[in-house]
Amino acid sequence: MATKVYVVYYSMYGHVARLAEEIKKGAASVEGVEAKLWQVPETLSEEVLGKMSAPPKADVPVITPGELAEADGLIFGFPTRFGMMSAQFKAFLDATGGLWRTQQLAGKPAGIFYSTGSQGGGQETTALTAITQLTHHGMIFVPIGYTFGPGMFEMEEVKGGSPYGAGTYAGDGMRQPSELELAQAFHQGKYIAGIAKKLKGSSD
């Protein structure tokens, strides 16, 4: 059977969604892996989103907490809010109590990716504070470390991401993920999918 990797994200202005697309491509590039994009439910009203000039959501299915258990590997993405994950993604994880009680996510490998507004806006703290969610579920956090190679040491251009996972800088909202950031996202998807495949193979 194929190894299922779910890329689950929340994106208000499209930056995280763009990274998610590339992560899915990376995961799907691993033979025997079936990658799928999901987004978590929006908690804000259309009226509020309109006032925030948020564009329409991408045509990606909305996941329910129970569907997380179907995956062999998970990669979670969200924008930062004051150095932590957005409230929308936190609300979704708050609804996973049933999975926690039965430990249905225990032992599953999981990665994290993110978007911040500035270079000091939480590229590491957003991931670091999110690890607590994985820990309580007994999941295995899979950072990318420095496996992205020379791209991790790029100093000539602005680049998001860290050893915790792929990332981008949204700036005032106009900046889009760079080619280097997208390459790191692709790498993360491929890297975690490979690990999920190995773990699934050893348990079959």
N, C-alpha and C. Protein backbone atom coordinates (compact mmCIF):
# COMPACT_ATOMS: atom_id res chain seq x y z
N MET A 1 0.83 -1.20 0.00
CA MET A 1 0.00 0.00 0.00
C MET A 1 0.87 1.26 0.00
N ALA A 2 0.35 2.31 -0.62
CA ALA A 2 1.09 3.57 -0.69
C ALA A 2 1.22 4.20 0.70
N THR A 3 2.30 4.92 0.89
CA THR A 3 2.50 5.69 2.12
C THR A 3 1.77 7.01 1.94
N LYS A 4 0.87 7.32 2.85
CA LYS A 4 0.07 8.55 2.75
C LYS A 4 0.71 9.68 3.54
N VAL A 5 1.01 10.77 2.86
CA VAL A 5 1.54 11.96 3.52
C VAL A 5 0.55 13.11 3.31
N TYR A 6 0.06 13.66 4.40
CA TYR A 6 -0.90 14.76 4.33
C TYR A 6 -0.19 16.07 4.66
N VAL A 7 -0.34 17.05 3.77
CA VAL A 7 0.19 18.39 4.00
C VAL A 7 -1.00 19.24 4.41
N VAL A 8 -1.05 19.60 5.68
CA VAL A 8 -2.21 20.27 6.26
C VAL A 8 -1.82 21.69 6.65
N TYR A 9 -2.55 22.68 6.18
CA TYR A 9 -2.12 24.06 6.42
C TYR A 9 -3.27 25.03 6.63
N TYR A 10 -2.92 26.20 7.12
CA TYR A 10 -3.81 27.36 7.13
C TYR A 10 -3.07 28.49 6.46
N SER A 11 -3.75 29.20 5.57
CA SER A 11 -3.12 30.33 4.89
C SER A 11 -4.15 31.42 4.69
N MET A 12 -3.82 32.63 5.14
CA MET A 12 -4.75 33.74 4.97
C MET A 12 -4.49 34.50 3.67
N TYR A 13 -3.22 34.74 3.37
CA TYR A 13 -2.88 35.53 2.18
C TYR A 13 -2.18 34.75 1.07
N GLY A 14 -2.04 33.44 1.27
CA GLY A 14 -1.51 32.61 0.20
C GLY A 14 -0.05 32.20 0.29
N HIS A 15 0.69 32.78 1.23
CA HIS A 15 2.12 32.46 1.33
C HIS A 15 2.34 31.02 1.81
N VAL A 16 1.63 30.62 2.84
CA VAL A 16 1.75 29.25 3.35
C VAL A 16 1.20 28.26 2.32
N ALA A 17 0.13 28.65 1.65
CA ALA A 17 -0.46 27.78 0.62
C ALA A 17 0.55 27.50 -0.49
N ARG A 18 1.33 28.50 -0.86
CA ARG A 18 2.34 28.31 -1.93
C ARG A 18 3.42 27.35 -1.47
N LEU A 19 3.86 27.47 -0.23
CA LEU A 19 4.84 26.53 0.31
C LEU A 19 4.25 25.12 0.35
N ALA A 20 2.99 25.03 0.76
CA ALA A 20 2.32 23.73 0.87
C ALA A 20 2.28 23.00 -0.48
N GLU A 21 2.02 23.75 -1.53
CA GLU A 21 1.98 23.15 -2.86
C GLU A 21 3.32 22.52 -3.22
N GLU A 22 4.39 23.24 -2.89
CA GLU A 22 5.73 22.74 -3.22
C GLU A 22 6.11 21.55 -2.33
N ILE A 23 5.70 21.60 -1.08
CA ILE A 23 5.96 20.48 -0.17
C ILE A 23 5.25 19.23 -0.66
N LYS A 24 4.02 19.40 -1.13
CA LYS A 24 3.29 18.26 -1.67
C LYS A 24 4.03 17.67 -2.87
N LYS A 25 4.54 18.53 -3.75
CA LYS A 25 5.30 18.05 -4.91
C LYS A 25 6.51 17.24 -4.47
N GLY A 26 7.20 17.75 -3.45
CA GLY A 26 8.37 17.05 -2.95
C GLY A 26 8.02 15.69 -2.39
N ALA A 27 6.93 15.64 -1.61
CA ALA A 27 6.51 14.37 -1.02
C ALA A 27 6.09 13.38 -2.11
N ALA A 28 5.37 13.87 -3.12
CA ALA A 28 4.88 13.01 -4.19
C ALA A 28 6.01 12.51 -5.09
N SER A 29 7.18 13.16 -5.02
CA SER A 29 8.31 12.73 -5.85
C SER A 29 8.96 11.45 -5.33
N VAL A 30 8.61 11.05 -4.11
CA VAL A 30 9.13 9.82 -3.54
C VAL A 30 8.27 8.65 -4.01
N GLU A 31 8.90 7.68 -4.60
CA GLU A 31 8.17 6.52 -5.14
C GLU A 31 7.39 5.82 -4.03
N GLY A 32 6.13 5.51 -4.32
CA GLY A 32 5.30 4.80 -3.35
C GLY A 32 4.62 5.70 -2.34
N VAL A 33 4.75 7.03 -2.54
CA VAL A 33 4.11 7.98 -1.61
C VAL A 33 2.94 8.68 -2.29
N GLU A 34 1.84 8.73 -1.58
CA GLU A 34 0.65 9.44 -2.05
C GLU A 34 0.51 10.69 -1.18
N ALA A 35 0.72 11.86 -1.78
CA ALA A 35 0.66 13.12 -1.03
C ALA A 35 -0.65 13.84 -1.31
N LYS A 36 -1.19 14.47 -0.28
CA LYS A 36 -2.47 15.17 -0.45
C LYS A 36 -2.45 16.48 0.34
N LEU A 37 -3.00 17.53 -0.28
CA LEU A 37 -3.12 18.84 0.37
C LEU A 37 -4.46 18.96 1.08
N TRP A 38 -4.41 19.53 2.28
CA TRP A 38 -5.61 19.82 3.05
C TRP A 38 -5.46 21.20 3.68
N GLN A 39 -6.58 21.88 3.89
CA GLN A 39 -6.53 23.10 4.69
C GLN A 39 -7.47 22.95 5.88
N VAL A 40 -7.16 23.65 6.96
CA VAL A 40 -7.99 23.57 8.15
C VAL A 40 -9.12 24.59 8.03
N PRO A 41 -10.19 24.42 8.80
CA PRO A 41 -11.33 25.34 8.70
C PRO A 41 -10.97 26.78 9.08
N GLU A 42 -11.60 27.71 8.41
CA GLU A 42 -11.45 29.13 8.74
C GLU A 42 -12.34 29.43 9.94
N THR A 43 -11.85 30.28 10.83
CA THR A 43 -12.64 30.64 12.01
C THR A 43 -13.19 32.06 11.92
N LEU A 44 -12.70 32.83 10.95
CA LEU A 44 -13.17 34.20 10.79
C LEU A 44 -14.32 34.26 9.79
N SER A 45 -15.20 35.22 9.98
CA SER A 45 -16.35 35.39 9.08
C SER A 45 -15.89 36.01 7.76
N GLU A 46 -16.71 35.87 6.73
CA GLU A 46 -16.42 36.46 5.43
C GLU A 46 -16.31 37.98 5.56
N GLU A 47 -17.10 38.55 6.43
CA GLU A 47 -17.07 40.00 6.63
C GLU A 47 -15.71 40.45 7.17
N VAL A 48 -15.23 39.74 8.17
CA VAL A 48 -13.93 40.08 8.76
C VAL A 48 -12.80 39.86 7.76
N LEU A 49 -12.86 38.74 7.04
CA LEU A 49 -11.84 38.45 6.04
C LEU A 49 -11.81 39.52 4.95
N GLY A 50 -12.99 40.02 4.60
CA GLY A 50 -13.09 41.07 3.60
C GLY A 50 -12.42 42.35 4.08
N LYS A 51 -12.63 42.68 5.34
CA LYS A 51 -12.02 43.88 5.90
C LYS A 51 -10.50 43.75 5.99
N MET A 52 -10.02 42.50 6.06
CA MET A 52 -8.59 42.25 6.13
C MET A 52 -7.98 42.07 4.74
N SER A 53 -8.80 42.25 3.71
CA SER A 53 -8.37 42.12 2.31
C SER A 53 -7.78 40.75 2.01
N ALA A 54 -8.31 39.72 2.67
CA ALA A 54 -7.84 38.35 2.43
C ALA A 54 -8.44 37.83 1.12
N PRO A 55 -7.63 37.24 0.26
CA PRO A 55 -8.14 36.70 -1.01
C PRO A 55 -8.95 35.43 -0.77
N PRO A 56 -9.69 34.97 -1.77
CA PRO A 56 -10.47 33.72 -1.62
C PRO A 56 -9.54 32.55 -1.33
N LYS A 57 -10.05 31.57 -0.62
CA LYS A 57 -9.26 30.38 -0.30
C LYS A 57 -9.00 29.55 -1.56
N ALA A 58 -7.92 28.81 -1.53
CA ALA A 58 -7.59 27.91 -2.63
C ALA A 58 -8.60 26.77 -2.66
N ASP A 59 -8.74 26.15 -3.81
CA ASP A 59 -9.68 25.04 -3.97
C ASP A 59 -9.03 23.76 -3.43
N VAL A 60 -8.93 23.71 -2.12
CA VAL A 60 -8.30 22.59 -1.42
C VAL A 60 -9.28 22.09 -0.38
N PRO A 61 -9.48 20.77 -0.25
CA PRO A 61 -10.45 20.27 0.71
C PRO A 61 -10.13 20.64 2.16
N VAL A 62 -11.17 20.83 2.93
CA VAL A 62 -11.03 21.16 4.35
C VAL A 62 -11.02 19.86 5.15
N ILE A 63 -10.01 19.70 5.96
CA ILE A 63 -9.84 18.46 6.71
C ILE A 63 -10.62 18.46 8.02
N THR A 64 -11.00 17.30 8.48
CA THR A 64 -11.59 17.13 9.81
C THR A 64 -10.55 16.46 10.69
N PRO A 65 -10.60 16.64 12.00
CA PRO A 65 -9.59 16.04 12.87
C PRO A 65 -9.42 14.53 12.67
N GLY A 66 -10.53 13.82 12.51
CA GLY A 66 -10.45 12.37 12.37
C GLY A 66 -9.66 11.91 11.16
N GLU A 67 -9.63 12.73 10.12
CA GLU A 67 -8.92 12.34 8.90
C GLU A 67 -7.40 12.34 9.07
N LEU A 68 -6.90 13.00 10.10
CA LEU A 68 -5.46 12.98 10.36
C LEU A 68 -4.94 11.56 10.60
N ALA A 69 -5.78 10.74 11.21
CA ALA A 69 -5.37 9.38 11.56
C ALA A 69 -5.11 8.50 10.34
N GLU A 70 -5.63 8.92 9.17
CA GLU A 70 -5.44 8.12 7.95
C GLU A 70 -4.01 8.22 7.42
N ALA A 71 -3.32 9.29 7.78
CA ALA A 71 -1.99 9.57 7.22
C ALA A 71 -0.89 8.76 7.91
N ASP A 72 0.14 8.46 7.13
CA ASP A 72 1.35 7.82 7.68
C ASP A 72 2.36 8.88 8.08
N GLY A 73 2.23 10.07 7.51
CA GLY A 73 3.10 11.19 7.84
C GLY A 73 2.35 12.48 7.64
N LEU A 74 2.67 13.48 8.45
CA LEU A 74 1.95 14.76 8.41
C LEU A 74 2.94 15.92 8.37
N ILE A 75 2.60 16.94 7.58
CA ILE A 75 3.41 18.15 7.54
C ILE A 75 2.46 19.32 7.72
N PHE A 76 2.62 20.04 8.83
CA PHE A 76 1.71 21.11 9.21
C PHE A 76 2.29 22.48 8.87
N GLY A 77 1.47 23.36 8.29
CA GLY A 77 1.94 24.70 7.95
C GLY A 77 0.98 25.78 8.39
N PHE A 78 1.53 26.92 8.82
CA PHE A 78 0.70 28.02 9.29
C PHE A 78 1.51 29.32 9.33
N PRO A 79 0.83 30.46 9.27
CA PRO A 79 1.50 31.74 9.46
C PRO A 79 1.70 31.96 10.96
N THR A 80 2.61 32.84 11.29
CA THR A 80 2.84 33.13 12.70
C THR A 80 1.94 34.25 13.19
N ARG A 81 1.60 34.16 14.44
CA ARG A 81 0.89 35.24 15.12
C ARG A 81 1.63 35.47 16.43
N PHE A 82 2.40 36.56 16.48
CA PHE A 82 3.19 36.87 17.67
C PHE A 82 4.11 35.72 18.07
N GLY A 83 4.74 35.11 17.08
CA GLY A 83 5.73 34.06 17.35
C GLY A 83 5.16 32.68 17.57
N MET A 84 3.85 32.50 17.36
CA MET A 84 3.22 31.20 17.53
C MET A 84 2.31 30.93 16.33
N MET A 85 1.79 29.70 16.23
CA MET A 85 0.89 29.36 15.14
C MET A 85 -0.37 30.20 15.18
N SER A 86 -1.00 30.37 14.04
CA SER A 86 -2.24 31.14 13.95
C SER A 86 -3.36 30.48 14.74
N ALA A 87 -4.32 31.30 15.16
CA ALA A 87 -5.44 30.79 15.96
C ALA A 87 -6.26 29.75 15.21
N GLN A 88 -6.36 29.90 13.89
CA GLN A 88 -7.14 28.95 13.10
C GLN A 88 -6.56 27.54 13.21
N PHE A 89 -5.24 27.43 13.12
CA PHE A 89 -4.63 26.11 13.21
C PHE A 89 -4.68 25.58 14.64
N LYS A 90 -4.51 26.47 15.60
CA LYS A 90 -4.60 26.04 17.00
C LYS A 90 -6.00 25.55 17.32
N ALA A 91 -7.02 26.22 16.79
CA ALA A 91 -8.41 25.78 17.01
C ALA A 91 -8.62 24.39 16.44
N PHE A 92 -8.03 24.13 15.27
CA PHE A 92 -8.15 22.81 14.66
C PHE A 92 -7.49 21.75 15.56
N LEU A 93 -6.30 22.04 16.03
CA LEU A 93 -5.62 21.06 16.89
C LEU A 93 -6.34 20.89 18.23
N ASP A 94 -6.99 21.96 18.69
CA ASP A 94 -7.76 21.85 19.93
C ASP A 94 -8.92 20.88 19.79
N ALA A 95 -9.32 20.62 18.55
CA ALA A 95 -10.44 19.71 18.29
C ALA A 95 -9.99 18.26 18.11
N THR A 96 -8.70 17.99 18.36
CA THR A 96 -8.18 16.63 18.17
C THR A 96 -8.14 15.84 19.48
N GLY A 97 -8.93 16.25 20.45
CA GLY A 97 -8.94 15.57 21.74
C GLY A 97 -9.27 14.08 21.64
N GLY A 98 -10.17 13.74 20.73
CA GLY A 98 -10.54 12.34 20.56
C GLY A 98 -9.35 11.51 20.08
N LEU A 99 -8.56 12.08 19.18
CA LEU A 99 -7.36 11.39 18.69
C LEU A 99 -6.32 11.27 19.80
N TRP A 100 -6.25 12.29 20.64
CA TRP A 100 -5.30 12.28 21.76
C TRP A 100 -5.66 11.19 22.77
N ARG A 101 -6.96 11.08 23.08
CA ARG A 101 -7.39 10.07 24.07
C ARG A 101 -7.04 8.66 23.61
N THR A 102 -7.12 8.42 22.33
CA THR A 102 -6.85 7.08 21.80
C THR A 102 -5.44 6.96 21.22
N GLN A 103 -4.70 8.07 21.27
CA GLN A 103 -3.31 8.11 20.78
C GLN A 103 -3.19 7.58 19.34
N GLN A 104 -4.13 7.98 18.50
CA GLN A 104 -4.13 7.52 17.12
C GLN A 104 -3.04 8.17 16.26
N LEU A 105 -2.47 9.26 16.76
CA LEU A 105 -1.40 9.92 16.01
C LEU A 105 -0.02 9.57 16.54
N ALA A 106 0.02 8.81 17.61
CA ALA A 106 1.30 8.44 18.24
C ALA A 106 2.18 7.66 17.27
N GLY A 107 3.43 8.05 17.19
CA GLY A 107 4.38 7.36 16.35
C GLY A 107 4.43 7.84 14.91
N LYS A 108 3.53 8.76 14.54
CA LYS A 108 3.52 9.27 13.17
C LYS A 108 4.56 10.40 13.04
N PRO A 109 5.38 10.38 11.98
CA PRO A 109 6.34 11.47 11.78
C PRO A 109 5.62 12.73 11.33
N ALA A 110 6.08 13.88 11.81
CA ALA A 110 5.42 15.14 11.46
C ALA A 110 6.44 16.26 11.32
N GLY A 111 6.22 17.12 10.35
CA GLY A 111 7.07 18.28 10.13
C GLY A 111 6.26 19.55 10.22
N ILE A 112 6.96 20.69 10.24
CA ILE A 112 6.32 22.00 10.40
C ILE A 112 6.93 22.99 9.40
N PHE A 113 6.07 23.82 8.79
CA PHE A 113 6.56 24.92 7.97
C PHE A 113 5.72 26.15 8.26
N TYR A 114 6.17 27.33 7.85
CA TYR A 114 5.56 28.55 8.37
C TYR A 114 5.89 29.77 7.52
N SER A 115 5.19 30.85 7.80
CA SER A 115 5.44 32.14 7.16
C SER A 115 5.40 33.21 8.24
N THR A 116 6.34 34.16 8.17
CA THR A 116 6.35 35.28 9.11
C THR A 116 6.43 36.58 8.32
N GLY A 117 6.11 37.67 9.01
CA GLY A 117 6.13 38.96 8.34
C GLY A 117 7.50 39.58 8.23
N SER A 118 8.40 39.19 9.15
CA SER A 118 9.73 39.80 9.16
C SER A 118 10.78 38.80 9.60
N GLN A 119 12.05 39.19 9.47
CA GLN A 119 13.14 38.27 9.82
C GLN A 119 13.20 37.97 11.31
N GLY A 120 12.68 38.86 12.12
CA GLY A 120 12.66 38.60 13.56
C GLY A 120 11.28 38.23 14.04
N GLY A 121 10.43 37.80 13.10
CA GLY A 121 9.02 37.59 13.43
C GLY A 121 8.61 36.20 13.85
N GLY A 122 9.58 35.28 14.05
CA GLY A 122 9.19 33.97 14.56
C GLY A 122 9.54 32.79 13.69
N GLN A 123 10.56 32.90 12.85
CA GLN A 123 10.94 31.79 11.98
C GLN A 123 11.32 30.53 12.77
N GLU A 124 11.82 30.69 13.99
CA GLU A 124 12.11 29.52 14.82
C GLU A 124 11.10 29.33 15.93
N THR A 125 10.66 30.43 16.57
CA THR A 125 9.73 30.27 17.70
C THR A 125 8.38 29.70 17.28
N THR A 126 7.94 30.00 16.06
CA THR A 126 6.66 29.48 15.59
C THR A 126 6.69 27.96 15.54
N ALA A 127 7.80 27.42 15.04
CA ALA A 127 7.95 25.96 15.01
C ALA A 127 8.19 25.40 16.40
N LEU A 128 9.04 26.08 17.15
CA LEU A 128 9.40 25.59 18.48
C LEU A 128 8.17 25.48 19.39
N THR A 129 7.31 26.48 19.37
CA THR A 129 6.12 26.45 20.22
C THR A 129 5.08 25.46 19.71
N ALA A 130 5.15 25.12 18.42
CA ALA A 130 4.19 24.16 17.86
C ALA A 130 4.54 22.72 18.21
N ILE A 131 5.78 22.49 18.57
CA ILE A 131 6.21 21.12 18.87
C ILE A 131 5.44 20.54 20.06
N THR A 132 4.97 21.41 20.95
CA THR A 132 4.20 20.90 22.10
C THR A 132 2.97 20.13 21.66
N GLN A 133 2.35 20.57 20.56
CA GLN A 133 1.16 19.90 20.04
C GLN A 133 1.51 18.47 19.61
N LEU A 134 2.63 18.34 18.92
CA LEU A 134 3.06 17.02 18.46
C LEU A 134 3.41 16.12 19.64
N THR A 135 4.07 16.71 20.63
CA THR A 135 4.52 15.94 21.79
C THR A 135 3.36 15.30 22.54
N HIS A 136 2.30 16.05 22.76
CA HIS A 136 1.17 15.51 23.50
C HIS A 136 0.44 14.41 22.73
N HIS A 137 0.59 14.42 21.42
CA HIS A 137 0.00 13.36 20.61
C HIS A 137 0.96 12.18 20.43
N GLY A 138 2.17 12.31 20.94
CA GLY A 138 3.14 11.23 20.79
C GLY A 138 3.72 11.13 19.39
N MET A 139 3.61 12.21 18.63
CA MET A 139 4.13 12.20 17.27
C MET A 139 5.65 12.38 17.27
N ILE A 140 6.28 12.03 16.16
CA ILE A 140 7.73 12.15 16.03
C ILE A 140 8.04 13.39 15.21
N PHE A 141 8.60 14.42 15.85
CA PHE A 141 8.93 15.64 15.13
C PHE A 141 10.14 15.39 14.23
N VAL A 142 9.98 15.73 12.95
CA VAL A 142 11.06 15.54 11.98
C VAL A 142 11.50 16.91 11.46
N PRO A 143 12.56 17.48 12.02
CA PRO A 143 13.09 18.73 11.48
C PRO A 143 13.91 18.43 10.24
N ILE A 144 14.15 19.43 9.42
CA ILE A 144 14.98 19.17 8.24
C ILE A 144 16.47 19.32 8.57
N GLY A 145 16.76 19.87 9.75
CA GLY A 145 18.16 20.04 10.12
C GLY A 145 18.87 20.88 9.06
N TYR A 146 20.04 20.40 8.63
CA TYR A 146 20.79 21.09 7.57
C TYR A 146 20.87 20.21 6.33
N THR A 147 19.87 19.34 6.17
CA THR A 147 19.86 18.42 5.02
C THR A 147 19.63 19.13 3.70
N PHE A 148 19.21 20.39 3.73
CA PHE A 148 19.01 21.16 2.51
C PHE A 148 20.35 21.61 1.92
N GLY A 149 21.41 21.37 2.65
CA GLY A 149 22.76 21.66 2.14
C GLY A 149 23.10 23.13 2.06
N PRO A 150 23.81 23.56 0.99
CA PRO A 150 24.26 24.95 0.86
C PRO A 150 23.15 25.99 0.98
N GLY A 151 21.94 25.60 0.62
CA GLY A 151 20.82 26.53 0.70
C GLY A 151 20.55 27.01 2.12
N MET A 152 20.97 26.23 3.11
CA MET A 152 20.78 26.62 4.51
C MET A 152 21.72 27.76 4.90
N PHE A 153 22.78 27.95 4.13
CA PHE A 153 23.80 28.93 4.49
C PHE A 153 23.78 30.16 3.57
N GLU A 154 22.73 30.30 2.78
CA GLU A 154 22.62 31.42 1.85
C GLU A 154 22.64 32.76 2.60
N MET A 155 23.55 33.63 2.20
CA MET A 155 23.67 34.93 2.86
C MET A 155 23.48 36.11 1.91
N GLU A 156 23.35 35.83 0.62
CA GLU A 156 23.25 36.90 -0.36
C GLU A 156 21.82 37.35 -0.63
N GLU A 157 20.86 36.57 -0.20
CA GLU A 157 19.46 36.95 -0.40
C GLU A 157 18.65 36.61 0.83
N VAL A 158 17.53 37.31 0.97
CA VAL A 158 16.64 37.05 2.10
C VAL A 158 16.02 35.67 1.91
N LYS A 159 16.09 34.83 2.95
CA LYS A 159 15.52 33.48 2.85
C LYS A 159 14.91 33.08 4.18
N GLY A 160 13.67 32.63 4.13
CA GLY A 160 13.02 32.12 5.31
C GLY A 160 13.41 30.67 5.54
N GLY A 161 12.87 30.09 6.60
CA GLY A 161 13.18 28.70 6.92
C GLY A 161 14.29 28.59 7.94
N SER A 162 14.41 27.42 8.52
CA SER A 162 15.41 27.15 9.54
C SER A 162 15.56 25.64 9.66
N PRO A 163 16.44 25.16 10.54
CA PRO A 163 16.53 23.72 10.72
C PRO A 163 15.21 23.08 11.15
N TYR A 164 14.28 23.88 11.65
CA TYR A 164 12.99 23.34 12.08
C TYR A 164 12.11 22.98 10.88
N GLY A 165 12.25 23.75 9.79
CA GLY A 165 11.41 23.49 8.64
C GLY A 165 11.45 24.62 7.64
N ALA A 166 10.78 24.44 6.51
CA ALA A 166 10.74 25.46 5.47
C ALA A 166 9.94 26.67 5.93
N GLY A 167 10.31 27.82 5.38
CA GLY A 167 9.60 29.04 5.76
C GLY A 167 9.76 30.12 4.71
N THR A 168 8.97 31.16 4.85
CA THR A 168 9.06 32.30 3.95
C THR A 168 8.77 33.57 4.72
N TYR A 169 9.13 34.70 4.11
CA TYR A 169 8.83 36.01 4.68
C TYR A 169 7.76 36.66 3.81
N ALA A 170 6.68 37.08 4.45
CA ALA A 170 5.60 37.72 3.71
C ALA A 170 5.80 39.23 3.59
N GLY A 171 6.62 39.79 4.48
CA GLY A 171 6.82 41.23 4.47
C GLY A 171 5.50 41.94 4.71
N ASP A 172 5.18 42.90 3.84
CA ASP A 172 3.91 43.61 3.97
C ASP A 172 2.77 42.88 3.28
N GLY A 173 3.06 41.64 2.84
CA GLY A 173 2.06 40.83 2.16
C GLY A 173 2.31 40.72 0.67
N MET A 174 3.10 41.64 0.14
CA MET A 174 3.35 41.65 -1.30
C MET A 174 4.44 40.66 -1.70
N ARG A 175 5.39 40.41 -0.81
CA ARG A 175 6.47 39.48 -1.14
C ARG A 175 5.93 38.06 -1.23
N GLN A 176 6.37 37.32 -2.22
CA GLN A 176 5.99 35.92 -2.40
C GLN A 176 7.20 35.02 -2.14
N PRO A 177 6.99 33.74 -1.83
CA PRO A 177 8.12 32.84 -1.59
C PRO A 177 9.10 32.85 -2.77
N SER A 178 10.39 32.93 -2.44
CA SER A 178 11.43 32.95 -3.47
C SER A 178 11.67 31.55 -4.00
N GLU A 179 12.43 31.47 -5.08
CA GLU A 179 12.76 30.17 -5.65
C GLU A 179 13.53 29.31 -4.65
N LEU A 180 14.41 29.95 -3.88
CA LEU A 180 15.18 29.21 -2.88
C LEU A 180 14.28 28.69 -1.77
N GLU A 181 13.34 29.51 -1.34
CA GLU A 181 12.39 29.07 -0.30
C GLU A 181 11.52 27.93 -0.81
N LEU A 182 11.11 28.01 -2.07
CA LEU A 182 10.29 26.95 -2.65
C LEU A 182 11.10 25.66 -2.80
N ALA A 183 12.38 25.81 -3.12
CA ALA A 183 13.25 24.63 -3.24
C ALA A 183 13.41 23.96 -1.88
N GLN A 184 13.50 24.77 -0.83
CA GLN A 184 13.61 24.20 0.51
C GLN A 184 12.31 23.50 0.90
N ALA A 185 11.18 24.06 0.49
CA ALA A 185 9.89 23.43 0.77
C ALA A 185 9.79 22.09 0.05
N PHE A 186 10.20 22.05 -1.20
CA PHE A 186 10.19 20.80 -1.96
C PHE A 186 11.07 19.77 -1.25
N HIS A 187 12.23 20.20 -0.80
CA HIS A 187 13.14 19.31 -0.09
C HIS A 187 12.49 18.76 1.18
N GLN A 188 11.82 19.63 1.91
CA GLN A 188 11.18 19.18 3.16
C GLN A 188 10.14 18.11 2.88
N GLY A 189 9.32 18.32 1.85
CA GLY A 189 8.31 17.33 1.51
C GLY A 189 8.93 16.00 1.16
N LYS A 190 9.97 16.05 0.34
CA LYS A 190 10.66 14.83 -0.09
C LYS A 190 11.34 14.13 1.09
N TYR A 191 11.97 14.92 1.94
CA TYR A 191 12.71 14.37 3.08
C TYR A 191 11.77 13.67 4.08
N ILE A 192 10.69 14.33 4.45
CA ILE A 192 9.77 13.75 5.43
C ILE A 192 9.01 12.57 4.83
N ALA A 193 8.67 12.66 3.56
CA ALA A 193 7.97 11.54 2.90
C ALA A 193 8.86 10.30 2.90
N GLY A 194 10.15 10.50 2.67
CA GLY A 194 11.08 9.38 2.68
C GLY A 194 11.14 8.71 4.04
N ILE A 195 11.13 9.52 5.09
CA ILE A 195 11.15 8.98 6.45
C ILE A 195 9.84 8.26 6.77
N ALA A 196 8.72 8.85 6.37
CA ALA A 196 7.41 8.23 6.60
C ALA A 196 7.34 6.88 5.91
N LYS A 197 7.89 6.81 4.71
CA LYS A 197 7.90 5.56 3.94
C LYS A 197 8.72 4.49 4.66
N LYS A 198 9.87 4.88 5.16
CA LYS A 198 10.72 3.94 5.90
C LYS A 198 10.04 3.42 7.15
N LEU A 199 9.41 4.33 7.89
CA LEU A 199 8.73 3.92 9.13
C LEU A 199 7.55 3.01 8.83
N LYS A 200 6.81 3.33 7.78
CA LYS A 200 5.69 2.47 7.41
C LYS A 200 6.17 1.09 6.99
N GLY A 201 7.27 1.05 6.23
CA GLY A 201 7.82 -0.21 5.77
C GLY A 201 8.30 -1.08 6.90
N SER A 202 8.85 -0.47 7.95
CA SER A 202 9.37 -1.25 9.08
C SER A 202 8.27 -1.78 9.97
N SER A 203 7.06 -1.16 9.84
CA SER A 203 5.95 -1.60 10.70
C SER A 203 4.98 -2.54 9.98
N ASP A 204 5.09 -2.62 8.66
CA ASP A 204 4.19 -3.49 7.88
C ASP A 204 4.54 -4.97 8.06
